[in-house]
C-alpha cells in the first residue's frame, strides 16, 4: 500500500511539473555575450570530448564488431601459408 502511494505522489508531482512547463511566462533575464560564449565553449568542449572518446575506443569497437587488425592479420598469415605450401 505504501509503495503505491509513493508512486501516485511521484506521478502527481511529475504531472504538475509538466503542466507548469506548458504555461507560458515571461522571463526577465538578460544573456550577455559572455554567457553566449560560455555556452558555445561548453558545446565545443562536449563535441571535442565525444571525438576523443571515439578515437580512444575506435580500435576496441572494431575488434568488437570483428573488423579489427588482429583478425585481418591472422587471415593474411593463413593466406601466405596456403601459397607457400605445395
PDB file of N, CA and C in Angstrom:
ATOM      1  N   UNK A   1       0.821  -1.194   0.000  1.00  0.00           N
ATOM      2  CA  UNK A   1       0.000   0.000   0.000  1.00  0.00           C
ATOM      3  C   UNK A   1       0.860   1.251   0.000  1.00  0.00           C
ATOM      4  N   UNK A   2       1.905   1.222   0.776  1.00  0.00           N
ATOM      5  CA  UNK A   2       2.738   2.413   0.903  1.00  0.00           C
ATOM      6  C   UNK A   2       3.486   2.710  -0.395  1.00  0.00           C
ATOM      7  N   UNK A   3       3.923   1.665  -1.119  1.00  0.00           N
ATOM      8  CA  UNK A   3       4.634   1.848  -2.384  1.00  0.00           C
ATOM      9  C   UNK A   3       3.718   2.480  -3.417  1.00  0.00           C
ATOM     10  N   UNK A   4       2.478   2.051  -3.447  1.00  0.00           N
ATOM     11  CA  UNK A   4       1.523   2.621  -4.400  1.00  0.00           C
ATOM     12  C   UNK A   4       1.328   4.104  -4.133  1.00  0.00           C
ATOM     13  N   UNK A   5       1.248   4.502  -2.886  1.00  0.00           N
ATOM     14  CA  UNK A   5       1.058   5.914  -2.581  1.00  0.00           C
ATOM     15  C   UNK A   5       2.289   6.732  -2.964  1.00  0.00           C
ATOM     16  N   UNK A   6       3.485   6.150  -2.856  1.00  0.00           N
ATOM     17  CA  UNK A   6       4.703   6.855  -3.267  1.00  0.00           C
ATOM     18  C   UNK A   6       4.694   7.068  -4.771  1.00  0.00           C
ATOM     19  N   UNK A   7       4.313   6.020  -5.536  1.00  0.00           N
ATOM     20  CA  UNK A   7       4.242   6.168  -6.984  1.00  0.00           C
ATOM     21  C   UNK A   7       3.151   7.146  -7.391  1.00  0.00           C
ATOM     22  N   UNK A   8       2.048   7.133  -6.710  1.00  0.00           N
ATOM     23  CA  UNK A   8       0.972   8.060  -7.023  1.00  0.00           C
ATOM     24  C   UNK A   8       1.410   9.497  -6.755  1.00  0.00           C
ATOM     25  N   UNK A   9       2.108   9.713  -5.667  1.00  0.00           N
ATOM     26  CA  UNK A   9       2.603  11.054  -5.348  1.00  0.00           C
ATOM     27  C   UNK A   9       3.635  11.501  -6.370  1.00  0.00           C
ATOM     28  N   UNK A  10       4.536  10.615  -6.753  1.00  0.00           N
ATOM     29  CA  UNK A  10       5.547  10.955  -7.749  1.00  0.00           C
ATOM     30  C   UNK A  10       4.892  11.260  -9.090  1.00  0.00           C
ATOM     31  N   UNK A  11       3.895  10.505  -9.466  1.00  0.00           N
ATOM     32  CA  UNK A  11       3.177  10.761 -10.716  1.00  0.00           C
ATOM     33  C   UNK A  11       2.458  12.096 -10.682  1.00  0.00           C
ATOM     34  N   UNK A  12       1.869  12.413  -9.549  1.00  0.00           N
ATOM     35  CA  UNK A  12       1.168  13.695  -9.408  1.00  0.00           C
ATOM     36  C   UNK A  12       2.152  14.853  -9.517  1.00  0.00           C
ATOM     37  N   UNK A  13       3.282  14.736  -8.844  1.00  0.00           N
ATOM     38  CA  UNK A  13       4.282  15.806  -8.889  1.00  0.00           C
ATOM     39  C   UNK A  13       4.850  15.926 -10.306  1.00  0.00           C
ATOM     40  N   UNK A  14       5.094  14.804 -10.970  1.00  0.00           N
ATOM     41  CA  UNK A  14       5.600  14.836 -12.346  1.00  0.00           C
ATOM     42  C   UNK A  14       4.603  15.476 -13.292  1.00  0.00           C
ATOM     43  N   UNK A  15       3.331  15.134 -13.147  1.00  0.00           N
ATOM     44  CA  UNK A  15       2.293  15.716 -13.987  1.00  0.00           C
ATOM     45  C   UNK A  15       2.157  17.209 -13.736  1.00  0.00           C
ATOM     46  N   UNK A  16       2.215  17.605 -12.481  1.00  0.00           N
ATOM     47  CA  UNK A  16       2.113  19.021 -12.135  1.00  0.00           C
ATOM     48  C   UNK A  16       3.299  19.802 -12.704  1.00  0.00           C
ATOM     49  N   UNK A  17       4.482  19.231 -12.632  1.00  0.00           N
ATOM     50  CA  UNK A  17       5.666  19.885 -13.192  1.00  0.00           C
ATOM     51  C   UNK A  17       5.543  20.024 -14.697  1.00  0.00           C
ATOM     52  N   UNK A  18       5.071  18.988 -15.363  1.00  0.00           N
ATOM     53  CA  UNK A  18       4.888  19.045 -16.812  1.00  0.00           C
ATOM     54  C   UNK A  18       3.885  20.124 -17.194  1.00  0.00           C
ATOM     55  N   UNK A  19       2.785  20.201 -16.467  1.00  0.00           N
ATOM     56  CA  UNK A  19       1.785  21.227 -16.763  1.00  0.00           C
ATOM     57  C   UNK A  19       2.319  22.631 -16.514  1.00  0.00           C
ATOM     58  N   UNK A  20       3.153  22.792 -15.503  1.00  0.00           N
ATOM     59  CA  UNK A  20       3.740  24.106 -15.233  1.00  0.00           C
ATOM     60  C   UNK A  20       4.690  24.536 -16.351  1.00  0.00           C
ATOM     61  N   UNK A  21       5.340  23.573 -16.980  1.00  0.00           N
ATOM     62  CA  UNK A  21       6.243  23.898 -18.076  1.00  0.00           C
ATOM     63  C   UNK A  21       5.490  24.306 -19.338  1.00  0.00           C
ATOM     64  N   UNK A  22       4.242  23.882 -19.467  1.00  0.00           N
ATOM     65  CA  UNK A  22       3.439  24.235 -20.625  1.00  0.00           C
ATOM     66  C   UNK A  22       2.878  25.651 -20.548  1.00  0.00           C
ATOM     67  N   UNK A  23       2.777  26.202 -19.358  1.00  0.00           N
ATOM     68  CA  UNK A  23       2.208  27.538 -19.185  1.00  0.00           C
ATOM     69  C   UNK A  23       3.265  28.571 -19.578  1.00  0.00           C
ATOM     70  N   UNK A  24       2.948  29.425 -20.564  1.00  0.00           N
ATOM     71  CA  UNK A  24       3.936  30.420 -20.965  1.00  0.00           C
ATOM     72  C   UNK A  24       4.070  31.521 -19.913  1.00  0.00           C
ATOM     73  N   UNK A  25       5.276  31.926 -19.696  1.00  0.00           N
ATOM     74  CA  UNK A  25       5.517  33.034 -18.793  1.00  0.00           C
ATOM     75  C   UNK A  25       6.729  33.807 -19.309  1.00  0.00           C
ATOM     76  N   UNK A  26       6.774  35.062 -18.996  1.00  0.00           N
ATOM     77  CA  UNK A  26       7.889  35.885 -19.467  1.00  0.00           C
ATOM     78  C   UNK A  26       9.073  35.708 -18.538  1.00  0.00           C
ATOM     79  N   UNK A  27      10.228  35.686 -19.127  1.00  0.00           N
ATOM     80  CA  UNK A  27      11.454  35.579 -18.350  1.00  0.00           C
ATOM     81  C   UNK A  27      12.162  36.918 -18.418  1.00  0.00           C
ATOM     82  N   UNK A  28      12.325  37.525 -17.284  1.00  0.00           N
ATOM     83  CA  UNK A  28      13.012  38.806 -17.224  1.00  0.00           C
ATOM     84  C   UNK A  28      14.486  38.534 -16.974  1.00  0.00           C
ATOM     85  N   UNK A  29      15.165  38.173 -18.055  1.00  0.00           N
ATOM     86  CA  UNK A  29      16.569  37.809 -17.925  1.00  0.00           C
ATOM     87  C   UNK A  29      17.339  38.416 -19.084  1.00  0.00           C
ATOM     88  N   UNK A  30      18.607  38.629 -18.856  1.00  0.00           N
ATOM     89  CA  UNK A  30      19.484  39.180 -19.882  1.00  0.00           C
ATOM     90  C   UNK A  30      20.666  38.246 -20.038  1.00  0.00           C
ATOM     91  N   UNK A  31      20.884  37.815 -21.258  1.00  0.00           N
ATOM     92  CA  UNK A  31      22.036  36.973 -21.547  1.00  0.00           C
ATOM     93  C   UNK A  31      23.066  37.822 -22.281  1.00  0.00           C
ATOM     94  N   UNK A  32      24.128  38.153 -21.611  1.00  0.00           N
ATOM     95  CA  UNK A  32      25.159  38.980 -22.224  1.00  0.00           C
ATOM     96  C   UNK A  32      26.051  38.129 -23.125  1.00  0.00           C
ATOM     97  N   UNK A  33      26.916  38.762 -23.910  1.00  0.00           N
ATOM     98  CA  UNK A  33      27.787  37.996 -24.811  1.00  0.00           C
ATOM     99  C   UNK A  33      28.684  36.994 -24.081  1.00  0.00           C
ATOM    100  N   UNK A  34      29.063  37.281 -22.866  1.00  0.00           N
ATOM    101  CA  UNK A  34      29.890  36.343 -22.102  1.00  0.00           C
ATOM    102  C   UNK A  34      29.160  35.046 -21.830  1.00  0.00           C
ATOM    103  N   UNK A  35      27.868  35.126 -21.572  1.00  0.00           N
ATOM    104  CA  UNK A  35      27.076  33.922 -21.334  1.00  0.00           C
ATOM    105  C   UNK A  35      26.964  33.091 -22.605  1.00  0.00           C
ATOM    106  N   UNK A  36      26.732  33.769 -23.725  1.00  0.00           N
ATOM    107  CA  UNK A  36      26.661  33.062 -25.004  1.00  0.00           C
ATOM    108  C   UNK A  36      27.974  32.384 -25.339  1.00  0.00           C
ATOM    109  N   UNK A  37      29.079  33.060 -25.043  1.00  0.00           N
ATOM    110  CA  UNK A  37      30.393  32.477 -25.297  1.00  0.00           C
ATOM    111  C   UNK A  37      30.624  31.261 -24.406  1.00  0.00           C
ATOM    112  N   UNK A  38      30.194  31.333 -23.158  1.00  0.00           N
ATOM    113  CA  UNK A  38      30.353  30.195 -22.248  1.00  0.00           C
ATOM    114  C   UNK A  38      29.537  28.996 -22.725  1.00  0.00           C
ATOM    115  N   UNK A  39      28.335  29.259 -23.221  1.00  0.00           N
ATOM    116  CA  UNK A  39      27.504  28.175 -23.742  1.00  0.00           C
ATOM    117  C   UNK A  39      28.155  27.561 -24.979  1.00  0.00           C
ATOM    118  N   UNK A  40      28.662  28.402 -25.880  1.00  0.00           N
ATOM    119  CA  UNK A  40      29.342  27.911 -27.074  1.00  0.00           C
ATOM    120  C   UNK A  40      30.583  27.113 -26.713  1.00  0.00           C
ATOM    121  N   UNK A  41      31.333  27.576 -25.744  1.00  0.00           N
ATOM    122  CA  UNK A  41      32.536  26.868 -25.300  1.00  0.00           C
ATOM    123  C   UNK A  41      32.168  25.497 -24.730  1.00  0.00           C
ATOM    124  N   UNK A  42      31.096  25.439 -23.966  1.00  0.00           N
ATOM    125  CA  UNK A  42      30.659  24.154 -23.417  1.00  0.00           C
ATOM    126  C   UNK A  42      30.249  23.180 -24.505  1.00  0.00           C
ATOM    127  N   UNK A  43      29.537  23.668 -25.527  1.00  0.00           N
ATOM    128  CA  UNK A  43      29.140  22.800 -26.636  1.00  0.00           C
ATOM    129  C   UNK A  43      30.353  22.291 -27.414  1.00  0.00           C
ATOM    130  N   UNK A  44      31.311  23.185 -27.670  1.00  0.00           N
ATOM    131  CA  UNK A  44      32.515  22.769 -28.386  1.00  0.00           C
ATOM    132  C   UNK A  44      33.334  21.774 -27.565  1.00  0.00           C
ATOM    133  N   UNK A  45      33.395  21.970 -26.264  1.00  0.00           N
ATOM    134  CA  UNK A  45      34.116  21.037 -25.403  1.00  0.00           C
ATOM    135  C   UNK A  45      33.436  19.669 -25.402  1.00  0.00           C
ATOM    136  N   UNK A  46      32.119  19.650 -25.395  1.00  0.00           N
ATOM    137  CA  UNK A  46      31.395  18.380 -25.428  1.00  0.00           C
ATOM    138  C   UNK A  46      31.642  17.647 -26.740  1.00  0.00           C
ATOM    139  N   UNK A  47      31.655  18.378 -27.850  1.00  0.00           N
ATOM    140  CA  UNK A  47      31.920  17.764 -29.149  1.00  0.00           C
ATOM    141  C   UNK A  47      33.343  17.211 -29.187  1.00  0.00           C
ATOM    142  N   UNK A  48      34.298  17.983 -28.676  1.00  0.00           N
ATOM    143  CA  UNK A  48      35.690  17.528 -28.646  1.00  0.00           C
ATOM    144  C   UNK A  48      35.837  16.286 -27.772  1.00  0.00           C
ATOM    145  N   UNK A  49      35.129  16.247 -26.657  1.00  0.00           N
ATOM    146  CA  UNK A  49      35.201  15.085 -25.766  1.00  0.00           C
ATOM    147  C   UNK A  49      34.661  13.837 -26.451  1.00  0.00           C
ATOM    148  N   UNK A  50      33.569  13.978 -27.181  1.00  0.00           N
ATOM    149  CA  UNK A  50      33.000  12.839 -27.893  1.00  0.00           C
ATOM    150  C   UNK A  50      33.977  12.338 -28.956  1.00  0.00           C
ATOM    151  N   UNK A  51      34.616  13.266 -29.660  1.00  0.00           N
ATOM    152  CA  UNK A  51      35.578  12.876 -30.693  1.00  0.00           C
ATOM    153  C   UNK A  51      36.760  12.134 -30.072  1.00  0.00           C
ATOM    154  N   UNK A  52      37.264  12.608 -28.946  1.00  0.00           N
ATOM    155  CA  UNK A  52      38.396  11.971 -28.286  1.00  0.00           C
ATOM    156  C   UNK A  52      38.017  10.572 -27.780  1.00  0.00           C
ATOM    157  N   UNK A  53      36.840  10.441 -27.198  1.00  0.00           N
ATOM    158  CA  UNK A  53      36.402   9.131 -26.697  1.00  0.00           C
ATOM    159  C   UNK A  53      36.257   8.141 -27.846  1.00  0.00           C
ATOM    160  N   UNK A  54      35.698   8.599 -28.961  1.00  0.00           N
ATOM    161  CA  UNK A  54      35.563   7.711 -30.119  1.00  0.00           C
ATOM    162  C   UNK A  54      36.943   7.324 -30.635  1.00  0.00           C
ATOM    163  N   UNK A  55      37.872   8.269 -30.664  1.00  0.00           N
ATOM    164  CA  UNK A  55      39.222   7.970 -31.134  1.00  0.00           C
ATOM    165  C   UNK A  55      39.913   6.958 -30.232  1.00  0.00           C
ATOM    166  N   UNK A  56      39.735   7.098 -28.929  1.00  0.00           N
ATOM    167  CA  UNK A  56      40.380   6.186 -27.985  1.00  0.00           C
ATOM    168  C   UNK A  56      39.805   4.772 -28.102  1.00  0.00           C
ATOM    169  N   UNK A  57      38.499   4.661 -28.204  1.00  0.00           N
ATOM    170  CA  UNK A  57      37.858   3.356 -28.192  1.00  0.00           C
ATOM    171  C   UNK A  57      37.534   2.831 -29.580  1.00  0.00           C
ATOM    172  N   UNK A  58      38.008   3.473 -30.644  1.00  0.00           N
ATOM    173  CA  UNK A  58      37.699   3.040 -32.009  1.00  0.00           C
ATOM    174  C   UNK A  58      38.204   1.626 -32.280  1.00  0.00           C
ATOM    175  N   UNK A  59      39.431   1.338 -31.867  1.00  0.00           N
ATOM    176  CA  UNK A  59      40.014   0.021 -32.117  1.00  0.00           C
ATOM    177  C   UNK A  59      39.218  -1.051 -31.374  1.00  0.00           C
ATOM    178  N   UNK A  60      38.804  -0.750 -30.147  1.00  0.00           N
ATOM    179  CA  UNK A  60      38.007  -1.729 -29.386  1.00  0.00           C
ATOM    180  C   UNK A  60      36.668  -1.968 -30.059  1.00  0.00           C
ATOM    181  N   UNK A  61      36.090  -0.910 -30.594  1.00  0.00           N
ATOM    182  CA  UNK A  61      34.814  -1.043 -31.283  1.00  0.00           C
ATOM    183  C   UNK A  61      34.969  -1.909 -32.528  1.00  0.00           C
ATOM    184  N   UNK A  62      36.039  -1.685 -33.270  1.00  0.00           N
ATOM    185  CA  UNK A  62      36.270  -2.515 -34.455  1.00  0.00           C
ATOM    186  C   UNK A  62      36.517  -3.964 -34.079  1.00  0.00           C
ATOM    187  N   UNK A  63      37.269  -4.201 -33.002  1.00  0.00           N
ATOM    188  CA  UNK A  63      37.505  -5.567 -32.551  1.00  0.00           C
ATOM    189  C   UNK A  63      36.201  -6.230 -32.118  1.00  0.00           C
ATOM    190  N   UNK A  64      35.342  -5.458 -31.478  1.00  0.00           N
ATOM    191  CA  UNK A  64      34.057  -5.979 -31.040  1.00  0.00           C
ATOM    192  C   UNK A  64      33.191  -6.360 -32.236  1.00  0.00           C
ATOM    193  N   UNK A  65      33.264  -5.579 -33.290  1.00  0.00           N
ATOM    194  CA  UNK A  65      32.482  -5.868 -34.485  1.00  0.00           C
ATOM    195  C   UNK A  65      33.141  -6.904 -35.382  1.00  0.00           C
ATOM    196  N   UNK A  66      34.374  -7.298 -35.050  1.00  0.00           N
ATOM    197  CA  UNK A  66      35.052  -8.316 -35.829  1.00  0.00           C
ATOM    198  C   UNK A  66      35.811  -7.765 -37.018  1.00  0.00           C
ATOM    199  N   UNK A  67      36.120  -6.488 -36.991  1.00  0.00           N
ATOM    200  CA  UNK A  67      36.832  -5.877 -38.115  1.00  0.00           C
ATOM    201  C   UNK A  67      38.191  -5.352 -37.699  1.00  0.00           C
ATOM    202  N   UNK A  68      38.714  -5.865 -36.620  1.00  0.00           N
ATOM    203  CA  UNK A  68      39.982  -5.377 -36.102  1.00  0.00           C
ATOM    204  C   UNK A  68      41.167  -5.886 -36.900  1.00  0.00           C
ATOM    205  N   UNK A  69      42.342  -5.345 -36.607  1.00  0.00           N
ATOM    206  CA  UNK A  69      43.565  -5.731 -37.299  1.00  0.00           C
ATOM    207  C   UNK A  69      43.979  -7.162 -36.972  1.00  0.00           C
ATOM    208  N   UNK A  70      43.650  -7.627 -35.776  1.00  0.00           N
ATOM    209  CA  UNK A  70      44.063  -8.968 -35.371  1.00  0.00           C
ATOM    210  C   UNK A  70      43.495 -10.021 -36.307  1.00  0.00           C
ATOM    211  N   UNK A  71      42.234  -9.920 -36.604  1.00  0.00           N
ATOM    212  CA  UNK A  71      41.613 -10.916 -37.472  1.00  0.00           C
ATOM    213  C   UNK A  71      42.087 -10.759 -38.907  1.00  0.00           C
ATOM    214  N   UNK A  72      42.309  -9.530 -39.338  1.00  0.00           N
ATOM    215  CA  UNK A  72      42.817  -9.314 -40.683  1.00  0.00           C
ATOM    216  C   UNK A  72      44.240  -9.846 -40.795  1.00  0.00           C
ATOM    217  N   UNK A  73      45.063  -9.626 -39.779  1.00  0.00           N
ATOM    218  CA  UNK A  73      46.437 -10.130 -39.796  1.00  0.00           C
ATOM    219  C   UNK A  73      46.444 -11.652 -39.790  1.00  0.00           C
ATOM    220  N   UNK A  74      45.584 -12.268 -39.024  1.00  0.00           N
ATOM    221  CA  UNK A  74      45.510 -13.724 -38.991  1.00  0.00           C
ATOM    222  C   UNK A  74      45.074 -14.269 -40.344  1.00  0.00           C
ATOM    223  N   UNK A  75      44.179 -13.584 -40.992  1.00  0.00           N
ATOM    224  CA  UNK A  75      43.716 -14.015 -42.301  1.00  0.00           C
ATOM    225  C   UNK A  75      44.837 -13.884 -43.330  1.00  0.00           C
ATOM    226  N   UNK A  76      45.610 -12.809 -43.273  1.00  0.00           N
ATOM    227  CA  UNK A  76      46.724 -12.633 -44.193  1.00  0.00           C
ATOM    228  C   UNK A  76      47.798 -13.697 -43.971  1.00  0.00           C
ATOM    229  N   UNK A  77      48.061 -14.031 -42.707  1.00  0.00           N
ATOM    230  CA  UNK A  77      49.039 -15.077 -42.403  1.00  0.00           C
ATOM    231  C   UNK A  77      48.596 -16.427 -42.960  1.00  0.00           C
ATOM    232  N   UNK A  78      47.322 -16.728 -42.831  1.00  0.00           N
ATOM    233  CA  UNK A  78      46.828 -18.010 -43.336  1.00  0.00           C
ATOM    234  C   UNK A  78      46.877 -18.030 -44.858  1.00  0.00           C
ATOM    235  N   UNK A  79      46.658 -16.905 -45.499  1.00  0.00           N
ATOM    236  CA  UNK A  79      46.750 -16.846 -46.962  1.00  0.00           C
ATOM    237  C   UNK A  79      48.187 -17.054 -47.407  1.00  0.00           C
ATOM    238  N   UNK A  80      49.158 -16.486 -46.682  1.00  0.00           N
ATOM    239  CA  UNK A  80      50.574 -16.651 -47.019  1.00  0.00           C
ATOM    240  C   UNK A  80      51.013 -18.106 -46.862  1.00  0.00           C
ATOM    241  N   UNK A  81      50.574 -18.771 -45.825  1.00  0.00           N
ATOM    242  CA  UNK A  81      50.952 -20.165 -45.613  1.00  0.00           C
ATOM    243  C   UNK A  81      50.325 -21.059 -46.662  1.00  0.00           C
ATOM    244  N   UNK A  82      49.134 -20.719 -47.145  1.00  0.00           N
ATOM    245  CA  UNK A  82      48.489 -21.508 -48.193  1.00  0.00           C
ATOM    246  C   UNK A  82      49.260 -21.389 -49.501  1.00  0.00           C
ATOM    247  N   UNK A  83      49.803 -20.232 -49.771  1.00  0.00           N
ATOM    248  CA  UNK A  83      50.544 -20.023 -51.024  1.00  0.00           C
ATOM    249  C   UNK A  83      51.897 -20.723 -50.982  1.00  0.00           C
ATOM    250  N   UNK A  84      52.515 -20.809 -49.790  1.00  0.00           N
ATOM    251  CA  UNK A  84      53.832 -21.420 -49.652  1.00  0.00           C
ATOM    252  C   UNK A  84      53.789 -22.939 -49.625  1.00  0.00           C
ATOM    253  N   UNK A  85      52.686 -23.510 -49.288  1.00  0.00           N
ATOM    254  CA  UNK A  85      52.609 -24.964 -49.194  1.00  0.00           C
ATOM    255  C   UNK A  85      52.377 -25.555 -50.586  1.00  0.00           C
ATOM    256  N   UNK A  86      53.030 -26.710 -50.860  1.00  0.00           N
ATOM    257  CA  UNK A  86      52.922 -27.313 -52.200  1.00  0.00           C
ATOM    258  C   UNK A  86      51.631 -28.018 -52.455  1.00  0.00           C
TER     259      UNK A  86
END
